[in-house]
N, C-alpha and C. Protein backbone atom coordinates (compact mmCIF):
# COMPACT_ATOMS: atom_id res chain seq x y z
N MET A 1 -126.77 40.90 26.30
CA MET A 1 -126.14 40.22 25.20
C MET A 1 -124.72 39.77 25.56
N LEU A 2 -123.92 40.63 26.25
CA LEU A 2 -122.55 40.28 26.57
C LEU A 2 -122.48 39.05 27.48
N ARG A 3 -123.35 39.02 28.48
CA ARG A 3 -123.36 37.89 29.41
C ARG A 3 -123.72 36.60 28.68
N ASN A 4 -124.77 36.62 27.89
CA ASN A 4 -125.20 35.41 27.19
C ASN A 4 -124.15 34.92 26.20
N ARG A 5 -123.54 35.85 25.49
CA ARG A 5 -122.50 35.48 24.52
C ARG A 5 -121.30 34.88 25.24
N SER A 6 -120.91 35.47 26.35
CA SER A 6 -119.77 34.98 27.12
C SER A 6 -120.06 33.60 27.70
N TYR A 7 -121.27 33.41 28.18
CA TYR A 7 -121.64 32.10 28.72
C TYR A 7 -121.59 31.04 27.61
N SER A 8 -122.13 31.37 26.45
CA SER A 8 -122.10 30.42 25.32
C SER A 8 -120.67 30.08 24.93
N PHE A 9 -119.79 31.08 24.98
CA PHE A 9 -118.37 30.85 24.68
C PHE A 9 -117.79 29.82 25.64
N THR A 10 -118.03 29.98 26.92
CA THR A 10 -117.45 29.04 27.89
C THR A 10 -118.04 27.64 27.72
N GLN A 11 -119.30 27.56 27.35
CA GLN A 11 -119.93 26.25 27.16
C GLN A 11 -119.33 25.49 25.98
N ALA A 12 -118.76 26.21 25.03
CA ALA A 12 -118.11 25.56 23.89
C ALA A 12 -116.95 24.67 24.36
N PHE A 13 -116.28 25.04 25.44
CA PHE A 13 -115.20 24.21 25.97
C PHE A 13 -115.75 22.92 26.59
N LEU A 14 -116.90 23.01 27.21
CA LEU A 14 -117.52 21.81 27.79
C LEU A 14 -117.97 20.85 26.71
N ASN A 15 -118.31 21.39 25.55
CA ASN A 15 -118.78 20.58 24.43
C ASN A 15 -117.64 20.11 23.53
N ALA A 16 -116.39 20.35 23.95
CA ALA A 16 -115.20 19.96 23.18
C ALA A 16 -115.22 20.52 21.76
N THR A 17 -115.69 21.75 21.62
CA THR A 17 -115.72 22.42 20.32
C THR A 17 -114.29 22.66 19.87
N PRO A 18 -113.95 22.32 18.62
CA PRO A 18 -112.58 22.54 18.14
C PRO A 18 -112.21 24.03 18.12
N PRO A 19 -110.94 24.34 18.35
CA PRO A 19 -110.52 25.74 18.41
C PRO A 19 -110.90 26.57 17.19
N PHE A 20 -110.75 26.03 15.99
CA PHE A 20 -111.08 26.83 14.80
C PHE A 20 -112.55 27.21 14.81
N GLN A 21 -113.39 26.32 15.32
CA GLN A 21 -114.82 26.60 15.39
C GLN A 21 -115.11 27.65 16.47
N ILE A 22 -114.42 27.56 17.60
CA ILE A 22 -114.57 28.57 18.65
C ILE A 22 -114.19 29.94 18.10
N LEU A 23 -113.07 30.00 17.41
CA LEU A 23 -112.64 31.28 16.83
C LEU A 23 -113.63 31.79 15.80
N ASN A 24 -114.16 30.92 14.98
CA ASN A 24 -115.12 31.31 13.95
C ASN A 24 -116.45 31.78 14.53
N GLU A 25 -116.93 31.08 15.55
CA GLU A 25 -118.27 31.34 16.08
C GLU A 25 -118.35 32.45 17.12
N PHE A 26 -117.26 32.70 17.82
CA PHE A 26 -117.34 33.62 18.96
C PHE A 26 -116.48 34.87 18.85
N PHE A 27 -115.58 34.93 17.88
CA PHE A 27 -114.63 36.03 17.83
C PHE A 27 -114.81 36.90 16.59
N THR A 28 -114.39 38.15 16.74
CA THR A 28 -114.38 39.07 15.60
C THR A 28 -113.37 38.57 14.57
N SER A 29 -113.32 39.22 13.45
CA SER A 29 -112.38 38.82 12.40
C SER A 29 -110.94 39.20 12.73
N ARG A 30 -110.75 40.04 13.75
CA ARG A 30 -109.40 40.47 14.17
C ARG A 30 -109.24 40.23 15.68
N PRO A 31 -109.31 38.96 16.12
CA PRO A 31 -109.28 38.68 17.56
C PRO A 31 -107.89 38.82 18.17
N LYS A 32 -107.91 38.92 19.50
CA LYS A 32 -106.67 38.91 20.29
C LYS A 32 -106.88 37.95 21.46
N ILE A 33 -105.84 37.21 21.79
CA ILE A 33 -105.84 36.34 22.97
C ILE A 33 -104.56 36.62 23.75
N THR A 34 -104.71 36.90 25.04
CA THR A 34 -103.57 37.15 25.91
C THR A 34 -103.68 36.24 27.13
N GLU A 35 -102.69 35.38 27.32
CA GLU A 35 -102.63 34.63 28.58
C GLU A 35 -101.51 35.26 29.39
N HIS A 36 -101.89 35.91 30.47
CA HIS A 36 -100.95 36.65 31.29
C HIS A 36 -100.07 35.71 32.09
N GLY A 37 -98.84 36.13 32.29
CA GLY A 37 -97.88 35.35 33.07
C GLY A 37 -96.50 35.95 32.90
N PRO A 38 -95.54 35.46 33.67
CA PRO A 38 -94.19 36.01 33.58
C PRO A 38 -93.50 35.59 32.28
N GLN A 39 -92.75 36.51 31.73
CA GLN A 39 -92.03 36.26 30.47
C GLN A 39 -91.07 35.07 30.60
N TRP A 40 -90.43 34.92 31.77
CA TRP A 40 -89.46 33.84 31.94
C TRP A 40 -90.10 32.46 31.81
N ALA A 41 -91.40 32.35 32.04
CA ALA A 41 -92.08 31.05 31.95
C ALA A 41 -92.37 30.65 30.51
N ASN A 42 -92.18 31.57 29.57
CA ASN A 42 -92.47 31.34 28.17
C ASN A 42 -91.65 30.19 27.57
N GLN A 43 -90.51 29.86 28.16
CA GLN A 43 -89.67 28.77 27.67
C GLN A 43 -90.41 27.43 27.75
N ARG A 44 -91.08 27.17 28.84
CA ARG A 44 -91.85 25.92 29.00
C ARG A 44 -93.31 26.09 28.62
N LEU A 45 -93.80 27.30 28.74
CA LEU A 45 -95.21 27.60 28.51
C LEU A 45 -95.29 28.67 27.42
N PRO A 46 -95.09 28.28 26.16
CA PRO A 46 -94.93 29.25 25.08
C PRO A 46 -96.16 30.09 24.75
N PHE A 47 -97.27 29.80 25.37
CA PHE A 47 -98.51 30.57 25.14
C PHE A 47 -98.65 31.71 26.15
N LEU A 48 -97.72 31.78 27.13
CA LEU A 48 -97.79 32.80 28.18
C LEU A 48 -97.08 34.09 27.77
N ALA A 49 -97.52 35.17 28.37
CA ALA A 49 -96.83 36.46 28.33
C ALA A 49 -96.74 37.07 26.94
N SER A 50 -97.67 36.76 26.08
CA SER A 50 -97.75 37.44 24.79
C SER A 50 -99.19 37.53 24.36
N THR A 51 -99.43 38.43 23.44
CA THR A 51 -100.76 38.55 22.86
C THR A 51 -100.71 37.98 21.45
N PHE A 52 -101.64 37.10 21.17
CA PHE A 52 -101.78 36.48 19.85
C PHE A 52 -102.84 37.27 19.10
N TYR A 53 -102.55 37.58 17.83
CA TYR A 53 -103.42 38.44 17.04
C TYR A 53 -103.94 37.73 15.80
N ASP A 54 -105.16 38.05 15.45
CA ASP A 54 -105.75 37.66 14.17
C ASP A 54 -105.87 36.14 14.02
N ARG A 55 -106.09 35.72 12.81
CA ARG A 55 -106.29 34.30 12.48
C ARG A 55 -105.19 33.85 11.53
N ALA A 56 -104.98 32.54 11.48
CA ALA A 56 -103.99 31.97 10.56
C ALA A 56 -104.47 32.19 9.13
N THR A 57 -103.51 32.43 8.26
CA THR A 57 -103.83 32.61 6.85
C THR A 57 -102.88 31.76 6.02
N ASP A 58 -103.02 31.82 4.74
CA ASP A 58 -102.12 31.11 3.84
C ASP A 58 -100.70 31.68 3.87
N HIS A 59 -100.54 32.84 4.52
CA HIS A 59 -99.23 33.48 4.56
C HIS A 59 -98.36 32.95 5.70
N ASN A 60 -98.87 31.97 6.43
CA ASN A 60 -98.13 31.34 7.53
C ASN A 60 -97.60 32.34 8.55
N ARG A 61 -98.38 33.36 8.83
CA ARG A 61 -98.03 34.35 9.85
C ARG A 61 -97.97 33.66 11.20
N LYS A 62 -96.97 33.98 12.00
CA LYS A 62 -96.82 33.40 13.35
C LYS A 62 -97.48 34.32 14.37
N GLY A 63 -97.84 33.74 15.50
CA GLY A 63 -98.40 34.53 16.57
C GLY A 63 -99.88 34.81 16.44
N THR A 64 -100.61 33.95 15.70
CA THR A 64 -102.04 34.15 15.54
C THR A 64 -102.80 33.47 16.68
N CYS A 65 -104.07 33.75 16.76
CA CYS A 65 -104.93 33.11 17.77
C CYS A 65 -104.99 31.61 17.54
N ASP A 66 -104.92 31.19 16.28
CA ASP A 66 -104.85 29.75 15.99
C ASP A 66 -103.58 29.15 16.60
N ASP A 67 -102.47 29.89 16.51
CA ASP A 67 -101.21 29.43 17.11
C ASP A 67 -101.33 29.29 18.62
N TYR A 68 -102.06 30.20 19.25
CA TYR A 68 -102.27 30.10 20.71
C TYR A 68 -102.84 28.73 21.06
N PHE A 69 -103.91 28.35 20.37
CA PHE A 69 -104.53 27.07 20.67
C PHE A 69 -103.60 25.89 20.39
N THR A 70 -102.79 25.99 19.34
CA THR A 70 -101.85 24.92 19.02
C THR A 70 -100.77 24.80 20.09
N LEU A 71 -100.19 25.93 20.48
CA LEU A 71 -99.17 25.92 21.53
C LEU A 71 -99.74 25.39 22.84
N LEU A 72 -100.93 25.82 23.18
CA LEU A 72 -101.58 25.36 24.40
C LEU A 72 -101.81 23.85 24.36
N ALA A 73 -102.36 23.35 23.26
CA ALA A 73 -102.66 21.91 23.13
C ALA A 73 -101.40 21.06 23.10
N ASN A 74 -100.29 21.61 22.62
CA ASN A 74 -99.04 20.87 22.60
C ASN A 74 -98.37 20.82 23.97
N THR A 75 -98.87 21.66 24.89
CA THR A 75 -98.27 21.77 26.22
C THR A 75 -99.17 21.21 27.32
N LEU A 76 -100.45 21.56 27.27
CA LEU A 76 -101.39 21.19 28.33
C LEU A 76 -102.68 20.64 27.74
N SER A 77 -103.31 19.76 28.48
CA SER A 77 -104.68 19.39 28.14
C SER A 77 -105.59 19.94 29.22
N PHE A 78 -106.75 20.37 28.80
CA PHE A 78 -107.74 21.05 29.64
C PHE A 78 -108.88 20.07 29.87
N HIS A 79 -109.24 19.88 31.13
CA HIS A 79 -110.29 18.92 31.48
C HIS A 79 -111.45 19.63 32.20
N PRO A 80 -112.26 20.35 31.45
CA PRO A 80 -113.40 21.01 32.09
C PRO A 80 -114.49 20.00 32.42
N ASN A 81 -115.34 20.37 33.34
CA ASN A 81 -116.50 19.54 33.68
C ASN A 81 -117.69 20.47 33.90
N GLU A 82 -118.82 19.90 34.24
CA GLU A 82 -120.05 20.70 34.37
C GLU A 82 -119.96 21.78 35.45
N HIS A 83 -118.95 21.69 36.32
CA HIS A 83 -118.78 22.69 37.38
C HIS A 83 -117.66 23.68 37.07
N THR A 84 -117.02 23.56 35.92
CA THR A 84 -115.90 24.45 35.59
C THR A 84 -116.33 25.91 35.54
N PHE A 85 -117.42 26.19 34.88
CA PHE A 85 -117.90 27.57 34.75
C PHE A 85 -119.18 27.73 35.54
N PRO A 86 -119.35 28.87 36.20
CA PRO A 86 -120.57 29.10 36.97
C PRO A 86 -121.76 29.37 36.04
N PRO A 87 -122.96 29.42 36.60
CA PRO A 87 -124.13 29.79 35.80
C PRO A 87 -123.96 31.21 35.25
N ALA A 88 -124.65 31.49 34.18
CA ALA A 88 -124.51 32.78 33.49
C ALA A 88 -124.73 33.97 34.42
N HIS A 89 -125.65 33.88 35.36
CA HIS A 89 -125.93 35.04 36.23
C HIS A 89 -124.75 35.39 37.13
N LYS A 90 -123.75 34.51 37.24
CA LYS A 90 -122.57 34.80 38.06
C LYS A 90 -121.42 35.39 37.24
N PHE A 91 -121.61 35.53 35.94
CA PHE A 91 -120.61 36.20 35.12
C PHE A 91 -120.69 37.69 35.45
N ILE A 92 -119.54 38.33 35.59
CA ILE A 92 -119.49 39.73 35.98
C ILE A 92 -119.44 40.59 34.73
N VAL A 93 -120.45 41.42 34.56
CA VAL A 93 -120.55 42.27 33.37
C VAL A 93 -120.29 43.72 33.77
N ASP A 94 -119.33 44.34 33.08
CA ASP A 94 -119.07 45.77 33.22
C ASP A 94 -119.53 46.39 31.90
N ALA A 95 -120.78 46.84 31.88
CA ALA A 95 -121.37 47.38 30.65
C ALA A 95 -120.65 48.64 30.20
N THR A 96 -120.16 49.44 31.14
CA THR A 96 -119.45 50.66 30.79
C THR A 96 -118.16 50.35 30.03
N ALA A 97 -117.44 49.34 30.51
CA ALA A 97 -116.18 48.95 29.86
C ALA A 97 -116.41 47.98 28.71
N GLY A 98 -117.61 47.44 28.62
CA GLY A 98 -117.89 46.45 27.58
C GLY A 98 -117.10 45.17 27.79
N ALA A 99 -117.06 44.71 29.05
CA ALA A 99 -116.25 43.55 29.40
C ALA A 99 -117.03 42.59 30.29
N VAL A 100 -116.67 41.33 30.19
CA VAL A 100 -117.26 40.29 31.02
C VAL A 100 -116.13 39.49 31.64
N SER A 101 -116.22 39.22 32.94
CA SER A 101 -115.23 38.40 33.63
C SER A 101 -115.91 37.22 34.28
N VAL A 102 -115.18 36.12 34.36
CA VAL A 102 -115.70 34.93 35.02
C VAL A 102 -114.56 34.18 35.67
N VAL A 103 -114.80 33.69 36.87
CA VAL A 103 -113.85 32.84 37.58
C VAL A 103 -114.27 31.41 37.35
N ALA A 104 -113.31 30.57 36.97
CA ALA A 104 -113.60 29.18 36.66
C ALA A 104 -112.63 28.26 37.39
N HIS A 105 -112.88 26.96 37.30
CA HIS A 105 -112.03 25.97 37.97
C HIS A 105 -111.98 24.71 37.11
N ALA A 106 -110.78 24.19 36.91
CA ALA A 106 -110.66 22.96 36.11
C ALA A 106 -109.34 22.25 36.43
N ARG A 107 -109.23 21.07 35.86
CA ARG A 107 -108.00 20.28 35.96
C ARG A 107 -107.25 20.42 34.63
N PHE A 108 -105.93 20.51 34.73
CA PHE A 108 -105.05 20.59 33.59
C PHE A 108 -104.01 19.48 33.70
N THR A 109 -103.53 19.00 32.57
CA THR A 109 -102.53 17.95 32.55
C THR A 109 -101.41 18.35 31.60
N SER A 110 -100.17 18.12 32.03
CA SER A 110 -99.02 18.36 31.17
C SER A 110 -98.96 17.27 30.10
N VAL A 111 -98.87 17.67 28.85
CA VAL A 111 -98.74 16.70 27.76
C VAL A 111 -97.41 15.94 27.91
N LYS A 112 -96.37 16.65 28.33
CA LYS A 112 -95.03 16.07 28.44
C LYS A 112 -94.89 15.09 29.59
N THR A 113 -95.37 15.46 30.77
CA THR A 113 -95.13 14.63 31.97
C THR A 113 -96.33 13.78 32.38
N GLY A 114 -97.52 14.15 31.92
CA GLY A 114 -98.72 13.44 32.34
C GLY A 114 -99.21 13.84 33.73
N LYS A 115 -98.51 14.75 34.39
CA LYS A 115 -98.92 15.22 35.72
C LYS A 115 -100.06 16.21 35.58
N SER A 116 -100.94 16.21 36.58
CA SER A 116 -102.12 17.08 36.56
C SER A 116 -102.17 17.95 37.80
N TRP A 117 -102.94 19.01 37.71
CA TRP A 117 -103.26 19.87 38.85
C TRP A 117 -104.60 20.53 38.59
N GLU A 118 -105.21 21.02 39.64
CA GLU A 118 -106.45 21.78 39.53
C GLU A 118 -106.18 23.21 39.95
N GLU A 119 -106.91 24.12 39.33
CA GLU A 119 -106.72 25.52 39.68
C GLU A 119 -107.94 26.35 39.32
N ASP A 120 -108.01 27.51 39.95
CA ASP A 120 -108.98 28.53 39.55
C ASP A 120 -108.29 29.43 38.54
N PHE A 121 -109.04 29.96 37.61
CA PHE A 121 -108.51 30.88 36.61
C PHE A 121 -109.59 31.87 36.25
N ILE A 122 -109.19 32.95 35.62
CA ILE A 122 -110.11 34.03 35.27
C ILE A 122 -110.05 34.29 33.77
N TYR A 123 -111.23 34.43 33.19
CA TYR A 123 -111.36 34.89 31.80
C TYR A 123 -111.93 36.29 31.84
N LYS A 124 -111.34 37.17 31.04
CA LYS A 124 -111.92 38.49 30.79
C LYS A 124 -112.16 38.59 29.29
N LEU A 125 -113.37 38.84 28.91
CA LEU A 125 -113.76 38.98 27.51
C LEU A 125 -114.13 40.43 27.27
N SER A 126 -113.57 41.03 26.21
CA SER A 126 -113.80 42.45 25.98
C SER A 126 -113.68 42.76 24.49
N GLU A 127 -113.82 44.05 24.18
CA GLU A 127 -113.74 44.55 22.81
C GLU A 127 -114.77 43.85 21.90
N PHE A 128 -115.97 43.66 22.44
CA PHE A 128 -117.06 43.05 21.68
C PHE A 128 -117.46 43.97 20.53
N ASP A 129 -117.84 43.38 19.41
CA ASP A 129 -118.36 44.20 18.32
C ASP A 129 -119.88 44.32 18.46
N GLY A 130 -120.52 44.97 17.52
CA GLY A 130 -121.96 45.19 17.57
C GLY A 130 -122.79 43.93 17.51
N ASP A 131 -122.21 42.85 17.03
CA ASP A 131 -122.91 41.56 16.97
C ASP A 131 -122.62 40.68 18.18
N GLY A 132 -121.86 41.21 19.13
CA GLY A 132 -121.54 40.44 20.33
C GLY A 132 -120.37 39.49 20.16
N MET A 133 -119.60 39.66 19.09
CA MET A 133 -118.42 38.83 18.88
C MET A 133 -117.28 39.36 19.75
N ILE A 134 -116.52 38.44 20.32
CA ILE A 134 -115.44 38.78 21.25
C ILE A 134 -114.23 39.31 20.47
N GLY A 135 -113.68 40.43 20.94
CA GLY A 135 -112.49 40.98 20.32
C GLY A 135 -111.22 40.59 21.04
N HIS A 136 -111.30 40.50 22.37
CA HIS A 136 -110.10 40.19 23.17
C HIS A 136 -110.47 39.24 24.30
N TRP A 137 -109.73 38.15 24.39
CA TRP A 137 -109.90 37.16 25.46
C TRP A 137 -108.61 37.16 26.26
N GLU A 138 -108.73 37.49 27.54
CA GLU A 138 -107.57 37.47 28.43
C GLU A 138 -107.76 36.39 29.48
N ILE A 139 -106.65 35.73 29.81
CA ILE A 139 -106.66 34.62 30.76
C ILE A 139 -105.63 34.91 31.85
N TRP A 140 -106.06 34.75 33.10
CA TRP A 140 -105.15 34.78 34.24
C TRP A 140 -105.28 33.43 34.92
N ALA A 141 -104.16 32.74 35.05
CA ALA A 141 -104.16 31.41 35.67
C ALA A 141 -102.96 31.32 36.61
N ASP A 142 -102.59 30.11 36.97
CA ASP A 142 -101.49 29.86 37.90
C ASP A 142 -100.28 29.35 37.12
N PRO A 143 -99.45 30.25 36.59
CA PRO A 143 -98.34 29.79 35.76
C PRO A 143 -97.29 29.00 36.53
N LEU A 144 -97.16 29.21 37.83
CA LEU A 144 -96.16 28.46 38.59
C LEU A 144 -96.54 26.98 38.67
N SER A 145 -97.81 26.69 38.89
CA SER A 145 -98.24 25.27 38.89
C SER A 145 -98.03 24.64 37.53
N ALA A 146 -98.35 25.39 36.48
CA ALA A 146 -98.16 24.87 35.12
C ALA A 146 -96.68 24.65 34.86
N TRP A 147 -95.86 25.61 35.21
CA TRP A 147 -94.40 25.53 35.02
C TRP A 147 -93.85 24.29 35.70
N ASP A 148 -94.22 24.11 36.96
CA ASP A 148 -93.74 22.98 37.74
C ASP A 148 -94.20 21.64 37.16
N THR A 149 -95.45 21.58 36.75
CA THR A 149 -96.01 20.33 36.24
C THR A 149 -95.45 19.96 34.87
N VAL A 150 -95.21 20.94 34.03
CA VAL A 150 -94.66 20.69 32.70
C VAL A 150 -93.21 20.20 32.81
N GLY A 151 -92.48 20.72 33.79
CA GLY A 151 -91.10 20.27 34.01
C GLY A 151 -90.13 20.80 32.98
N GLY A 152 -88.85 20.51 33.18
CA GLY A 152 -87.82 21.06 32.30
C GLY A 152 -87.26 20.10 31.31
């Protein structure tokens, strides 16, 4: 179940599924998203080095998973293709930890400068609930390339 759910999650990016729909269809009601990176890079890459919690509400709470997608979209565009994610059987499942990891590859473009780069990145999906909904999505990417491409 974890592998299939994780694979379906990654395919949503290939289908250009809107972020609110991704959050609704694949995540628990109390999700977390963490994009790892150095704190100093947060000035240009405001989605790095923090964990975003929960969903946006009428209370205008900051730091939600919805905010993660907004900050990301205001900074970078993601250009996945049919080769971005490997086939489901190559997703790494740790049943004991209840986690799935996958190495992917894509092109990213700075919204500000229009410059692009390609990189490998890792998704770790964990804290699944009994229905296979994702509780925590962690991303490891190349923040130095992003920092350089976004510019000052």
